[in-house]
Protein backbone atom coordinates (compact mmCIF):
# COMPACT_ATOMS: atom_id res chain seq x y z
CA MET A 1 -0.02 0.06 0.03
CA ILE A 2 2.92 2.46 0.75
CA ASP A 3 4.39 1.70 -2.52
CA ARG A 4 1.16 2.75 -4.33
CA LEU A 5 1.14 5.86 -2.32
CA LYS A 6 4.79 6.77 -3.24
CA ARG A 7 3.82 6.22 -6.92
CA LEU A 8 0.79 8.52 -6.69
CA ASN A 9 1.25 11.93 -8.19
CA ASN A 10 1.24 14.65 -5.66
CA SER A 11 -1.62 16.66 -7.12
CA VAL A 12 -4.46 18.85 -5.72
CA TRP A 13 -6.84 17.29 -8.37
CA ILE A 14 -6.06 13.73 -7.16
CA GLY A 15 -6.63 14.87 -3.62
CA LEU A 16 -10.01 16.48 -4.58
CA GLY A 17 -11.00 13.29 -6.38
CA ILE A 18 -10.12 11.22 -3.30
CA GLY A 19 -11.82 13.77 -1.04
CA LEU A 20 -15.09 13.55 -2.93
CA LEU A 21 -14.99 9.72 -3.51
CA VAL A 22 -14.59 8.65 0.01
CA PRO A 23 -17.39 10.68 1.58
CA ALA A 24 -19.72 9.67 -1.26
CA ILE A 25 -19.05 6.04 -0.32
CA PHE A 26 -19.64 6.53 3.36
CA CYS A 27 -22.38 9.07 2.83
CA SER A 28 -24.31 6.51 0.53
CA ILE A 29 -23.92 3.85 3.29
CA ALA A 30 -25.47 6.44 5.85
CA TRP A 31 -28.27 7.12 3.45
CA TYR A 32 -28.96 3.48 3.27
CA ILE A 33 -29.02 3.12 6.98
CA ILE A 34 -31.22 6.18 7.42
CA HIS A 35 -33.75 4.90 5.06
CA HIS A 36 -33.88 1.40 6.22
CA VAL A 37 -33.58 1.58 10.02
CA ALA A 38 -36.71 3.10 11.36
CA SER A 39 -35.16 4.29 14.66
CA LEU A 40 -32.55 6.25 12.66
CA ALA A 41 -34.93 8.05 10.32
CA LYS A 42 -34.05 11.54 11.57
CA ALA A 43 -30.34 10.99 12.16
CA ASP A 44 -29.09 13.16 9.40
CA LEU A 45 -25.88 13.74 11.40
CA LEU A 46 -24.62 10.33 10.09
CA TYR A 47 -23.71 12.26 6.97
CA ILE A 48 -21.26 14.28 8.98
CA GLY A 49 -19.53 11.01 9.86
CA GLY A 50 -19.14 10.33 6.19
CA ILE A 51 -17.47 13.77 5.74
CA ALA A 52 -15.43 13.38 8.95
CA ILE A 53 -13.56 10.26 7.42
CA ASN A 54 -11.73 12.87 5.20
CA ALA A 55 -9.92 14.10 8.28
CA TYR A 56 -8.26 10.70 8.77
CA THR A 57 -7.58 10.33 5.01
CA MET A 58 -5.98 13.72 4.98
CA GLN A 59 -3.91 13.07 7.90
CA TYR A 60 -2.77 9.85 6.31
CA PHE A 61 -1.49 11.68 3.25
CA PHE A 62 0.25 14.47 5.15
CA LYS A 63 2.17 11.76 7.06
CA TYR A 64 3.64 10.58 3.77
CA ASN A 65 4.56 14.04 2.62
CA LYS A 66 1.79 14.32 0.07
CA GLU A 67 0.75 17.76 0.98
CA ASN A 68 -0.96 18.66 -2.30
CA ILE A 69 -3.14 15.64 -2.04
CA GLY A 70 -3.94 16.55 1.42
CA ARG A 71 -4.92 20.05 0.32
CA GLY A 72 -7.29 18.68 -2.26
CA ILE A 73 -8.95 16.52 0.41
CA LEU A 74 -9.32 19.52 2.57
CA ALA A 75 -10.91 21.45 -0.20
CA ALA A 76 -13.28 18.55 -0.80
CA THR A 77 -14.08 18.47 2.93
CA PHE A 78 -15.29 22.02 2.77
CA LEU A 79 -17.28 21.42 -0.41
CA CYS A 80 -19.02 18.44 1.24
CA ALA A 81 -19.68 20.45 4.45
CA PHE A 82 -21.13 23.28 2.40
CA VAL A 83 -23.42 20.85 0.59
CA PHE A 84 -24.53 19.29 3.90
CA PHE A 85 -25.26 22.84 5.27
CA ALA A 86 -27.31 23.61 2.21
CA TYR A 87 -29.20 20.24 2.60
CA LYS A 88 -29.99 21.10 6.30
CA VAL A 89 -30.98 24.70 5.61
CA PHE A 90 -32.95 24.51 2.52
């Protein structure tokens, strides 16, 4: 896994892609849980957990000196947080 990480190009665009893909996977799992478990029908904050996964992913890339990828993940985190805010307000 570390060898793949070293071969990965240190680009903000790759970080943005990773930062949007990882929460999309976890938020789709949260969406499934919210719509299929009756006691969690109003637990929209599970989406925040899907977005918070980016913090761990970003820390992982910063640990291996892939700062630009980490910056892309950070930008995607703010984008996802804005989408969640718009979802809750509107």
